[in-house]
């Protein structure tokens, strides 16, 4: 039987052994999963028809193993016959390594310009130092100016007031405070226990004329009949009135115009709520009790 050392090269040795075993290239290609064209190129030593060297070595090993031979021995003979080239690539022929002469010219021009700028700065600084006076004080020196001895101590004027802020709100004035101050701190004679309420002060400012002493209808009168009512609310100016029972049920709710009035029924537990206490005058049995004391109050408290 032929061996791997027979023939002129490893490809011819593999072909001789294959033919001795009676195998075709198609059968070997099926065993090795290598293309028939690659196996034929190995037998004919057409390396240019094969892939890269690592693939070629793998194909030769598989070819030898498929024939029952030592694949490493076949690879070793191939490497002896076709040693691997060195890693360095030869320089291309006909190419000369020459530097572009323009690079040197650009570098020289840049150097000349840089030297000229530096020289100009040095000359300018030297000229500036010569023109400066010799007794010039250093930049960080503190200049002290002594006051003339004959003038004596310097008199300071009065401090100026702080500027007024444009956003400063107007000061709040407590209602009735001016009247109490004018009376020497005494409270008004009408009620020595408290100052006038804000609602009465606002009503006095709005209505120049005094409130009527008795109820006089000046518009529509809503609510109960005169004989079934004790408390009457008359609108001095427009405002809303809501009357509720002890269970929260609304008995009356309406926006009254100036002059309109509401007669509350003589029921216990009713409470009245108005939008503005200064907008409603209270009458009990037809007699004035002034303006509403609060925005929400029981009718029993008003009638007492």
C-alpha atoms as a PDB file:
ATOM      1  CA  UNK A   1       0.000   0.000   0.000  1.00  0.00           C
ATOM      2  CA  UNK A   2       1.383   3.451  -0.840  1.00  0.00           C
ATOM      3  CA  UNK A   3       2.303   5.815   2.048  1.00  0.00           C
ATOM      4  CA  UNK A   4       2.230   9.561   2.641  1.00  0.00           C
ATOM      5  CA  UNK A   5       5.915   9.768   1.731  1.00  0.00           C
ATOM      6  CA  UNK A   6       5.329   8.496  -1.818  1.00  0.00           C
ATOM      7  CA  UNK A   7       4.972  10.779  -4.786  1.00  0.00           C
ATOM      8  CA  UNK A   8       6.470  14.158  -5.534  1.00  0.00           C
ATOM      9  CA  UNK A   9       4.269  15.995  -2.999  1.00  0.00           C
ATOM     10  CA  UNK A  10       1.610  15.312  -0.372  1.00  0.00           C
ATOM     11  CA  UNK A  11      -1.199  15.901  -2.874  1.00  0.00           C
ATOM     12  CA  UNK A  12       0.089  13.228  -5.243  1.00  0.00           C
ATOM     13  CA  UNK A  13       0.578  10.835  -2.280  1.00  0.00           C
ATOM     14  CA  UNK A  14      -3.082  11.318  -1.177  1.00  0.00           C
ATOM     15  CA  UNK A  15      -4.308  10.740  -4.753  1.00  0.00           C
ATOM     16  CA  UNK A  16      -2.269   7.539  -5.092  1.00  0.00           C
ATOM     17  CA  UNK A  17      -3.635   6.128  -1.813  1.00  0.00           C
ATOM     18  CA  UNK A  18      -7.230   7.115  -2.733  1.00  0.00           C
ATOM     19  CA  UNK A  19      -7.011   5.326  -6.072  1.00  0.00           C
ATOM     20  CA  UNK A  20      -5.402   2.309  -4.375  1.00  0.00           C
ATOM     21  CA  UNK A  21      -8.398   2.145  -2.000  1.00  0.00           C
ATOM     22  CA  UNK A  22     -10.810   2.496  -4.920  1.00  0.00           C
ATOM     23  CA  UNK A  23     -12.443   5.720  -3.666  1.00  0.00           C
ATOM     24  CA  UNK A  24     -13.647   8.562  -5.842  1.00  0.00           C
ATOM     25  CA  UNK A  25     -13.294  12.263  -5.106  1.00  0.00           C
ATOM     26  CA  UNK A  26     -17.060  12.466  -4.591  1.00  0.00           C
ATOM     27  CA  UNK A  27     -16.921   9.821  -1.834  1.00  0.00           C
ATOM     28  CA  UNK A  28     -14.037  11.584  -0.092  1.00  0.00           C
ATOM     29  CA  UNK A  29     -15.826  14.933  -0.386  1.00  0.00           C
ATOM     30  CA  UNK A  30     -18.913  13.388   1.220  1.00  0.00           C
ATOM     31  CA  UNK A  31     -16.822  12.030   4.138  1.00  0.00           C
ATOM     32  CA  UNK A  32     -14.843  15.215   4.732  1.00  0.00           C
ATOM     33  CA  UNK A  33     -17.566  17.758   3.885  1.00  0.00           C
ATOM     34  CA  UNK A  34     -14.953  19.489   1.703  1.00  0.00           C
ATOM     35  CA  UNK A  35     -15.720  20.566  -1.835  1.00  0.00           C
ATOM     36  CA  UNK A  36     -14.589  18.187  -4.574  1.00  0.00           C
ATOM     37  CA  UNK A  37     -12.879  21.122  -6.346  1.00  0.00           C
ATOM     38  CA  UNK A  38     -10.720  21.800  -3.270  1.00  0.00           C
ATOM     39  CA  UNK A  39      -9.727  18.127  -2.956  1.00  0.00           C
ATOM     40  CA  UNK A  40      -8.753  18.015  -6.637  1.00  0.00           C
ATOM     41  CA  UNK A  41      -6.722  21.237  -6.215  1.00  0.00           C
ATOM     42  CA  UNK A  42      -4.842  19.627  -3.317  1.00  0.00           C
ATOM     43  CA  UNK A  43      -4.039  16.558  -5.443  1.00  0.00           C
ATOM     44  CA  UNK A  44      -2.850  18.747  -8.305  1.00  0.00           C
ATOM     45  CA  UNK A  45      -1.004  21.176  -5.969  1.00  0.00           C
ATOM     46  CA  UNK A  46      -2.900  24.176  -7.275  1.00  0.00           C
ATOM     47  CA  UNK A  47      -2.648  26.290  -4.139  1.00  0.00           C
ATOM     48  CA  UNK A  48      -3.949  29.397  -5.865  1.00  0.00           C
ATOM     49  CA  UNK A  49      -7.338  27.636  -6.227  1.00  0.00           C
ATOM     50  CA  UNK A  50      -7.538  26.993  -2.461  1.00  0.00           C
ATOM     51  CA  UNK A  51      -8.661  29.348   0.314  1.00  0.00           C
ATOM     52  CA  UNK A  52      -6.222  30.777   2.849  1.00  0.00           C
ATOM     53  CA  UNK A  53      -3.400  28.657   4.299  1.00  0.00           C
ATOM     54  CA  UNK A  54      -5.224  27.710   7.568  1.00  0.00           C
ATOM     55  CA  UNK A  55      -8.170  26.332   5.550  1.00  0.00           C
ATOM     56  CA  UNK A  56      -5.823  24.426   3.232  1.00  0.00           C
ATOM     57  CA  UNK A  57      -4.095  22.769   6.194  1.00  0.00           C
ATOM     58  CA  UNK A  58      -7.471  21.751   7.616  1.00  0.00           C
ATOM     59  CA  UNK A  59      -8.574  20.253   4.285  1.00  0.00           C
ATOM     60  CA  UNK A  60      -5.357  18.172   4.017  1.00  0.00           C
ATOM     61  CA  UNK A  61      -5.815  16.860   7.559  1.00  0.00           C
ATOM     62  CA  UNK A  62      -9.428  15.892   6.881  1.00  0.00           C
ATOM     63  CA  UNK A  63      -8.467  14.274   3.549  1.00  0.00           C
ATOM     64  CA  UNK A  64      -5.818  12.096   5.213  1.00  0.00           C
ATOM     65  CA  UNK A  65      -8.146  11.104   8.076  1.00  0.00           C
ATOM     66  CA  UNK A  66     -10.851  10.076   5.589  1.00  0.00           C
ATOM     67  CA  UNK A  67      -8.356   7.670   3.978  1.00  0.00           C
ATOM     68  CA  UNK A  68      -7.455   6.158   7.368  1.00  0.00           C
ATOM     69  CA  UNK A  69      -4.042   7.896   7.494  1.00  0.00           C
ATOM     70  CA  UNK A  70      -2.349  10.148  10.021  1.00  0.00           C
ATOM     71  CA  UNK A  71      -3.663  13.617   9.370  1.00  0.00           C
ATOM     72  CA  UNK A  72      -0.892  15.344  11.316  1.00  0.00           C
ATOM     73  CA  UNK A  73       1.788  13.512   9.269  1.00  0.00           C
ATOM     74  CA  UNK A  74       0.135  14.751   6.063  1.00  0.00           C
ATOM     75  CA  UNK A  75       0.065  18.336   7.431  1.00  0.00           C
ATOM     76  CA  UNK A  76       3.738  18.060   8.471  1.00  0.00           C
ATOM     77  CA  UNK A  77       4.802  17.046   4.925  1.00  0.00           C
ATOM     78  CA  UNK A  78       2.742  19.913   3.457  1.00  0.00           C
ATOM     79  CA  UNK A  79       4.470  22.391   5.746  1.00  0.00           C
ATOM     80  CA  UNK A  80       7.876  21.036   4.749  1.00  0.00           C
ATOM     81  CA  UNK A  81       7.043  21.357   1.103  1.00  0.00           C
ATOM     82  CA  UNK A  82       5.278  24.730   1.450  1.00  0.00           C
ATOM     83  CA  UNK A  83       6.788  26.612   4.390  1.00  0.00           C
ATOM     84  CA  UNK A  84       4.817  29.591   5.704  1.00  0.00           C
ATOM     85  CA  UNK A  85       6.068  32.961   4.498  1.00  0.00           C
ATOM     86  CA  UNK A  86       7.418  35.438   7.099  1.00  0.00           C
ATOM     87  CA  UNK A  87       5.096  38.048   8.557  1.00  0.00           C
ATOM     88  CA  UNK A  88       6.815  41.062   7.014  1.00  0.00           C
ATOM     89  CA  UNK A  89       5.536  42.248   3.673  1.00  0.00           C
ATOM     90  CA  UNK A  90       7.986  43.374   1.037  1.00  0.00           C
ATOM     91  CA  UNK A  91       7.942  46.987   0.054  1.00  0.00           C
ATOM     92  CA  UNK A  92       6.074  47.744  -3.153  1.00  0.00           C
ATOM     93  CA  UNK A  93       8.308  48.026  -6.163  1.00  0.00           C
ATOM     94  CA  UNK A  94       8.747  51.389  -7.876  1.00  0.00           C
ATOM     95  CA  UNK A  95       7.627  53.503  -4.887  1.00  0.00           C
ATOM     96  CA  UNK A  96      10.072  55.991  -3.423  1.00  0.00           C
ATOM     97  CA  UNK A  97       9.828  57.374   0.092  1.00  0.00           C
ATOM     98  CA  UNK A  98       9.972  61.109  -0.409  1.00  0.00           C
ATOM     99  CA  UNK A  99       8.646  63.851   1.872  1.00  0.00           C
ATOM    100  CA  UNK A 100       6.537  66.627   0.459  1.00  0.00           C
ATOM    101  CA  UNK A 101       8.849  69.676   0.190  1.00  0.00           C
ATOM    102  CA  UNK A 102       5.903  71.976   0.888  1.00  0.00           C
ATOM    103  CA  UNK A 103       5.688  70.704   4.496  1.00  0.00           C
ATOM    104  CA  UNK A 104       9.167  71.996   5.247  1.00  0.00           C
ATOM    105  CA  UNK A 105       8.378  75.353   3.666  1.00  0.00           C
ATOM    106  CA  UNK A 106       5.183  75.705   5.758  1.00  0.00           C
ATOM    107  CA  UNK A 107       7.071  74.840   8.950  1.00  0.00           C
ATOM    108  CA  UNK A 108       9.798  77.382   8.181  1.00  0.00           C
ATOM    109  CA  UNK A 109       7.275  80.127   7.439  1.00  0.00           C
ATOM    110  CA  UNK A 110       5.390  79.455  10.692  1.00  0.00           C
ATOM    111  CA  UNK A 111       8.629  79.597  12.685  1.00  0.00           C
ATOM    112  CA  UNK A 112       9.597  82.949  11.145  1.00  0.00           C
ATOM    113  CA  UNK A 113       6.181  84.454  11.929  1.00  0.00           C
ATOM    114  CA  UNK A 114       6.275  83.210  15.532  1.00  0.00           C
ATOM    115  CA  UNK A 115       9.782  84.642  16.054  1.00  0.00           C
ATOM    116  CA  UNK A 116       8.685  88.007  14.642  1.00  0.00           C
ATOM    117  CA  UNK A 117       5.684  88.201  16.996  1.00  0.00           C
ATOM    118  CA  UNK A 118       7.825  87.364  20.044  1.00  0.00           C
ATOM    119  CA  UNK A 119      10.427  89.975  19.084  1.00  0.00           C
ATOM    120  CA  UNK A 120       7.751  92.654  18.620  1.00  0.00           C
ATOM    121  CA  UNK A 121       6.292  91.937  22.089  1.00  0.00           C
ATOM    122  CA  UNK A 122       9.739  92.159  23.698  1.00  0.00           C
ATOM    123  CA  UNK A 123      10.468  95.525  22.031  1.00  0.00           C
ATOM    124  CA  UNK A 124       7.090  96.973  23.020  1.00  0.00           C
ATOM    125  CA  UNK A 125       7.550  95.951  26.673  1.00  0.00           C
ATOM    126  CA  UNK A 126      11.046  97.461  26.797  1.00  0.00           C
ATOM    127  CA  UNK A 127       9.774 100.774  25.378  1.00  0.00           C
ATOM    128  CA  UNK A 128       6.910 100.884  27.887  1.00  0.00           C
ATOM    129  CA  UNK A 129       9.252 100.365  30.844  1.00  0.00           C
ATOM    130  CA  UNK A 130      11.557 103.163  29.662  1.00  0.00           C
ATOM    131  CA  UNK A 131       8.661 105.667  29.373  1.00  0.00           C
ATOM    132  CA  UNK A 132       7.279 104.884  32.863  1.00  0.00           C
ATOM    133  CA  UNK A 133       8.556 107.167  35.705  1.00  0.00           C
ATOM    134  CA  UNK A 134      11.174 105.668  37.959  1.00  0.00           C
ATOM    135  CA  UNK A 135       9.226 106.588  41.116  1.00  0.00           C
ATOM    136  CA  UNK A 136       6.046 104.795  40.016  1.00  0.00           C
ATOM    137  CA  UNK A 137       4.466 102.969  42.893  1.00  0.00           C
ATOM    138  CA  UNK A 138       3.732  99.270  42.593  1.00  0.00           C
ATOM    139  CA  UNK A 139       0.270  98.266  41.454  1.00  0.00           C
ATOM    140  CA  UNK A 140      -0.698  96.816  44.821  1.00  0.00           C
ATOM    141  CA  UNK A 141       0.503  99.758  46.884  1.00  0.00           C
ATOM    142  CA  UNK A 142      -2.046 101.606  49.040  1.00  0.00           C
ATOM    143  CA  UNK A 143      -2.105 105.365  48.590  1.00  0.00           C
ATOM    144  CA  UNK A 144      -2.652 107.281  51.824  1.00  0.00           C
ATOM    145  CA  UNK A 145      -3.927 110.862  51.655  1.00  0.00           C
ATOM    146  CA  UNK A 146      -3.416 112.854  54.844  1.00  0.00           C
ATOM    147  CA  UNK A 147      -5.957 115.487  55.719  1.00  0.00           C
ATOM    148  CA  UNK A 148      -4.602 119.018  56.203  1.00  0.00           C
ATOM    149  CA  UNK A 149      -3.826 119.705  59.868  1.00  0.00           C
ATOM    150  CA  UNK A 150      -5.324 123.178  59.729  1.00  0.00           C
ATOM    151  CA  UNK A 151      -8.812 121.957  58.833  1.00  0.00           C
ATOM    152  CA  UNK A 152      -9.310 119.932  62.011  1.00  0.00           C
ATOM    153  CA  UNK A 153     -11.934 117.180  62.356  1.00  0.00           C
ATOM    154  CA  UNK A 154     -14.320 116.667  59.461  1.00  0.00           C
ATOM    155  CA  UNK A 155     -17.977 117.337  60.334  1.00  0.00           C
ATOM    156  CA  UNK A 156     -20.503 114.778  59.078  1.00  0.00           C
ATOM    157  CA  UNK A 157     -23.995 115.756  58.075  1.00  0.00           C
ATOM    158  CA  UNK A 158     -27.225 114.183  59.307  1.00  0.00           C
ATOM    159  CA  UNK A 159     -27.995 110.749  57.893  1.00  0.00           C
ATOM    160  CA  UNK A 160     -30.343 110.743  54.949  1.00  0.00           C
ATOM    161  CA  UNK A 161     -33.614 108.800  55.188  1.00  0.00           C
ATOM    162  CA  UNK A 162     -33.869 105.486  53.448  1.00  0.00           C
ATOM    163  CA  UNK A 163     -35.382 105.615  49.961  1.00  0.00           C
ATOM    164  CA  UNK A 164     -39.062 104.822  49.810  1.00  0.00           C
ATOM    165  CA  UNK A 165     -39.841 101.464  48.288  1.00  0.00           C
ATOM    166  CA  UNK A 166     -42.304 101.691  45.430  1.00  0.00           C
ATOM    167  CA  UNK A 167     -43.767  98.339  46.464  1.00  0.00           C
ATOM    168  CA  UNK A 168     -44.308  99.253  50.136  1.00  0.00           C
ATOM    169  CA  UNK A 169     -48.025  98.771  50.974  1.00  0.00           C
ATOM    170  CA  UNK A 170     -50.000 101.476  52.718  1.00  0.00           C
ATOM    171  CA  UNK A 171     -50.043 101.131  56.526  1.00  0.00           C
ATOM    172  CA  UNK A 172     -53.135  99.434  57.986  1.00  0.00           C
ATOM    173  CA  UNK A 173     -55.383 101.658  60.081  1.00  0.00           C
ATOM    174  CA  UNK A 174     -57.444 100.010  62.793  1.00  0.00           C
ATOM    175  CA  UNK A 175     -61.120 101.072  62.536  1.00  0.00           C
ATOM    176  CA  UNK A 176     -62.022 103.526  65.341  1.00  0.00           C
ATOM    177  CA  UNK A 177     -58.418 103.972  66.428  1.00  0.00           C
ATOM    178  CA  UNK A 178     -58.246 107.547  65.188  1.00  0.00           C
ATOM    179  CA  UNK A 179     -61.445 108.481  67.070  1.00  0.00           C
ATOM    180  CA  UNK A 180     -60.190 106.864  70.271  1.00  0.00           C
ATOM    181  CA  UNK A 181     -56.843 108.663  69.947  1.00  0.00           C
ATOM    182  CA  UNK A 182     -58.575 112.014  69.431  1.00  0.00           C
ATOM    183  CA  UNK A 183     -60.689 111.390  72.567  1.00  0.00           C
ATOM    184  CA  UNK A 184     -57.565 110.852  74.636  1.00  0.00           C
ATOM    185  CA  UNK A 185     -57.710 107.076  74.502  1.00  0.00           C
ATOM    186  CA  UNK A 186     -61.338 106.766  75.677  1.00  0.00           C
ATOM    187  CA  UNK A 187     -63.736 104.373  73.950  1.00  0.00           C
ATOM    188  CA  UNK A 188     -66.931 105.675  72.278  1.00  0.00           C
ATOM    189  CA  UNK A 189     -69.739 106.544  74.697  1.00  0.00           C
ATOM    190  CA  UNK A 190     -72.285 104.407  72.838  1.00  0.00           C
ATOM    191  CA  UNK A 191     -70.464 101.168  73.726  1.00  0.00           C
ATOM    192  CA  UNK A 192     -67.664 101.554  76.285  1.00  0.00           C
ATOM    193  CA  UNK A 193     -66.739  97.866  76.024  1.00  0.00           C
ATOM    194  CA  UNK A 194     -65.544  97.713  72.401  1.00  0.00           C
ATOM    195  CA  UNK A 195     -64.595  99.825  69.437  1.00  0.00           C
ATOM    196  CA  UNK A 196     -66.978 100.214  66.475  1.00  0.00           C
ATOM    197  CA  UNK A 197     -67.162  97.108  64.304  1.00  0.00           C
ATOM    198  CA  UNK A 198     -65.619  97.029  60.839  1.00  0.00           C
ATOM    199  CA  UNK A 199     -69.028  96.605  59.209  1.00  0.00           C
ATOM    200  CA  UNK A 200     -70.487  99.721  60.900  1.00  0.00           C
ATOM    201  CA  UNK A 201     -67.395 101.739  59.969  1.00  0.00           C
ATOM    202  CA  UNK A 202     -67.664 100.586  56.331  1.00  0.00           C
ATOM    203  CA  UNK A 203     -71.385 101.353  56.260  1.00  0.00           C
ATOM    204  CA  UNK A 204     -70.815 104.832  57.668  1.00  0.00           C
ATOM    205  CA  UNK A 205     -68.173 105.482  54.985  1.00  0.00           C
ATOM    206  CA  UNK A 206     -70.521 104.318  52.207  1.00  0.00           C
ATOM    207  CA  UNK A 207     -73.743 105.969  53.386  1.00  0.00           C
ATOM    208  CA  UNK A 208     -73.359 109.642  54.102  1.00  0.00           C
ATOM    209  CA  UNK A 209     -76.974 109.981  55.367  1.00  0.00           C
ATOM    210  CA  UNK A 210     -78.116 108.316  58.663  1.00  0.00           C
ATOM    211  CA  UNK A 211     -80.112 105.080  58.543  1.00  0.00           C
ATOM    212  CA  UNK A 212     -83.907 105.392  58.892  1.00  0.00           C
ATOM    213  CA  UNK A 213     -85.281 104.807  62.405  1.00  0.00           C
ATOM    214  CA  UNK A 214     -88.381 102.888  61.277  1.00  0.00           C
ATOM    215  CA  UNK A 215     -88.972 100.416  58.471  1.00  0.00           C
ATOM    216  CA  UNK A 216     -90.208 102.032  55.264  1.00  0.00           C
ATOM    217  CA  UNK A 217     -90.753  99.793  52.239  1.00  0.00           C
ATOM    218  CA  UNK A 218     -88.698 100.990  49.268  1.00  0.00           C
ATOM    219  CA  UNK A 219     -89.140  97.980  47.061  1.00  0.00           C
ATOM    220  CA  UNK A 220     -90.467  94.413  47.029  1.00  0.00           C
ATOM    221  CA  UNK A 221     -90.907  92.880  50.476  1.00  0.00           C
ATOM    222  CA  UNK A 222     -90.411  89.113  50.513  1.00  0.00           C
ATOM    223  CA  UNK A 223     -91.165  86.563  53.190  1.00  0.00           C
ATOM    224  CA  UNK A 224     -93.938  86.410  55.778  1.00  0.00           C
ATOM    225  CA  UNK A 225     -96.836  88.779  56.355  1.00  0.00           C
ATOM    226  CA  UNK A 226     -96.309  91.760  58.689  1.00  0.00           C
ATOM    227  CA  UNK A 227     -98.435  90.225  61.472  1.00  0.00           C
ATOM    228  CA  UNK A 228     -96.454  86.929  61.292  1.00  0.00           C
ATOM    229  CA  UNK A 229     -92.971  88.482  61.414  1.00  0.00           C
ATOM    230  CA  UNK A 230     -90.841  90.291  63.969  1.00  0.00           C
ATOM    231  CA  UNK A 231     -87.475  90.699  62.205  1.00  0.00           C
ATOM    232  CA  UNK A 232     -87.143  92.453  58.847  1.00  0.00           C
ATOM    233  CA  UNK A 233     -83.956  92.787  56.801  1.00  0.00           C
ATOM    234  CA  UNK A 234     -83.795  95.630  54.280  1.00  0.00           C
ATOM    235  CA  UNK A 235     -80.991  95.880  51.691  1.00  0.00           C
ATOM    236  CA  UNK A 236     -79.038  99.147  51.909  1.00  0.00           C
ATOM    237  CA  UNK A 237     -77.231  98.041  48.760  1.00  0.00           C
ATOM    238  CA  UNK A 238     -77.276  94.862  46.668  1.00  0.00           C
ATOM    239  CA  UNK A 239     -76.489  91.606  48.480  1.00  0.00           C
ATOM    240  CA  UNK A 240     -77.597  87.998  49.003  1.00  0.00           C
ATOM    241  CA  UNK A 241     -79.693  86.610  51.887  1.00  0.00           C
ATOM    242  CA  UNK A 242     -79.967  82.925  52.879  1.00  0.00           C
ATOM    243  CA  UNK A 243     -82.285  81.794  55.720  1.00  0.00           C
ATOM    244  CA  UNK A 244     -81.913  78.265  57.097  1.00  0.00           C
ATOM    245  CA  UNK A 245     -83.838  76.221  59.651  1.00  0.00           C
ATOM    246  CA  UNK A 246     -82.332  74.267  62.556  1.00  0.00           C
ATOM    247  CA  UNK A 247     -82.010  71.179  60.335  1.00  0.00           C
ATOM    248  CA  UNK A 248     -80.074  73.107  57.664  1.00  0.00           C
ATOM    249  CA  UNK A 249     -83.076  73.371  55.359  1.00  0.00           C
ATOM    250  CA  UNK A 250     -83.100  76.556  53.242  1.00  0.00           C
ATOM    251  CA  UNK A 251     -86.309  78.581  53.742  1.00  0.00           C
ATOM    252  CA  UNK A 252     -85.277  81.605  51.694  1.00  0.00           C
ATOM    253  CA  UNK A 253     -82.395  82.467  49.348  1.00  0.00           C
ATOM    254  CA  UNK A 254     -82.345  85.494  47.092  1.00  0.00           C
ATOM    255  CA  UNK A 255     -80.224  88.331  45.791  1.00  0.00           C
ATOM    256  CA  UNK A 256     -81.842  91.574  47.018  1.00  0.00           C
ATOM    257  CA  UNK A 257     -81.385  94.939  45.379  1.00  0.00           C
ATOM    258  CA  UNK A 258     -81.171  98.198  47.313  1.00  0.00           C
ATOM    259  CA  UNK A 259     -84.552  98.931  48.990  1.00  0.00           C
ATOM    260  CA  UNK A 260     -85.873  95.354  48.831  1.00  0.00           C
ATOM    261  CA  UNK A 261     -86.630  93.666  52.168  1.00  0.00           C
ATOM    262  CA  UNK A 262     -87.250  90.249  53.683  1.00  0.00           C
ATOM    263  CA  UNK A 263     -89.632  89.524  56.615  1.00  0.00           C
ATOM    264  CA  UNK A 264     -88.483  86.484  58.595  1.00  0.00           C
ATOM    265  CA  UNK A 265     -91.274  84.225  59.908  1.00  0.00           C
ATOM    266  CA  UNK A 266     -91.708  84.017  63.666  1.00  0.00           C
ATOM    267  CA  UNK A 267     -90.088  80.563  63.952  1.00  0.00           C
ATOM    268  CA  UNK A 268     -87.526  79.283  66.416  1.00  0.00           C
ATOM    269  CA  UNK A 269     -84.125  78.052  65.292  1.00  0.00           C
ATOM    270  CA  UNK A 270     -83.842  80.167  62.138  1.00  0.00           C
ATOM    271  CA  UNK A 271     -80.476  81.648  61.188  1.00  0.00           C
ATOM    272  CA  UNK A 272     -79.662  84.211  58.518  1.00  0.00           C
ATOM    273  CA  UNK A 273     -76.528  84.493  56.349  1.00  0.00           C
ATOM    274  CA  UNK A 274     -75.757  87.584  54.256  1.00  0.00           C
ATOM    275  CA  UNK A 275     -73.015  88.305  51.732  1.00  0.00           C
ATOM    276  CA  UNK A 276     -72.093  91.615  53.431  1.00  0.00           C
ATOM    277  CA  UNK A 277     -73.276  92.641  56.932  1.00  0.00           C
ATOM    278  CA  UNK A 278     -72.906  96.340  56.020  1.00  0.00           C
ATOM    279  CA  UNK A 279     -75.380  95.926  53.147  1.00  0.00           C
ATOM    280  CA  UNK A 280     -78.455  95.053  55.337  1.00  0.00           C
ATOM    281  CA  UNK A 281     -80.298  97.060  57.998  1.00  0.00           C
ATOM    282  CA  UNK A 282     -82.129  95.172  60.745  1.00  0.00           C
ATOM    283  CA  UNK A 283     -85.602  96.162  61.938  1.00  0.00           C
ATOM    284  CA  UNK A 284     -87.264  94.546  64.978  1.00  0.00           C
ATOM    285  CA  UNK A 285     -91.007  95.246  65.225  1.00  0.00           C
ATOM    286  CA  UNK A 286     -90.473  98.033  62.688  1.00  0.00           C
ATOM    287  CA  UNK A 287     -87.729  99.768  64.719  1.00  0.00           C
ATOM    288  CA  UNK A 288     -84.134 100.023  63.449  1.00  0.00           C
ATOM    289  CA  UNK A 289     -81.427  97.999  65.218  1.00  0.00           C
ATOM    290  CA  UNK A 290     -78.641  99.204  62.926  1.00  0.00           C
ATOM    291  CA  UNK A 291     -76.778  97.044  60.459  1.00  0.00           C
ATOM    292  CA  UNK A 292     -76.282  93.276  60.597  1.00  0.00           C
ATOM    293  CA  UNK A 293     -73.735  92.543  63.333  1.00  0.00           C
ATOM    294  CA  UNK A 294     -72.252  89.517  61.567  1.00  0.00           C
ATOM    295  CA  UNK A 295     -72.410  87.735  58.234  1.00  0.00           C
ATOM    296  CA  UNK A 296     -74.129  84.714  59.838  1.00  0.00           C
ATOM    297  CA  UNK A 297     -76.171  84.912  63.031  1.00  0.00           C
ATOM    298  CA  UNK A 298     -79.371  83.419  64.598  1.00  0.00           C
ATOM    299  CA  UNK A 299     -82.510  85.520  64.198  1.00  0.00           C
ATOM    300  CA  UNK A 300     -83.253  85.087  67.894  1.00  0.00           C
ATOM    301  CA  UNK A 301     -80.029  86.941  68.706  1.00  0.00           C
ATOM    302  CA  UNK A 302     -81.020  89.829  66.431  1.00  0.00           C
ATOM    303  CA  UNK A 303     -84.520  90.170  67.866  1.00  0.00           C
ATOM    304  CA  UNK A 304     -83.357  90.254  71.518  1.00  0.00           C
END
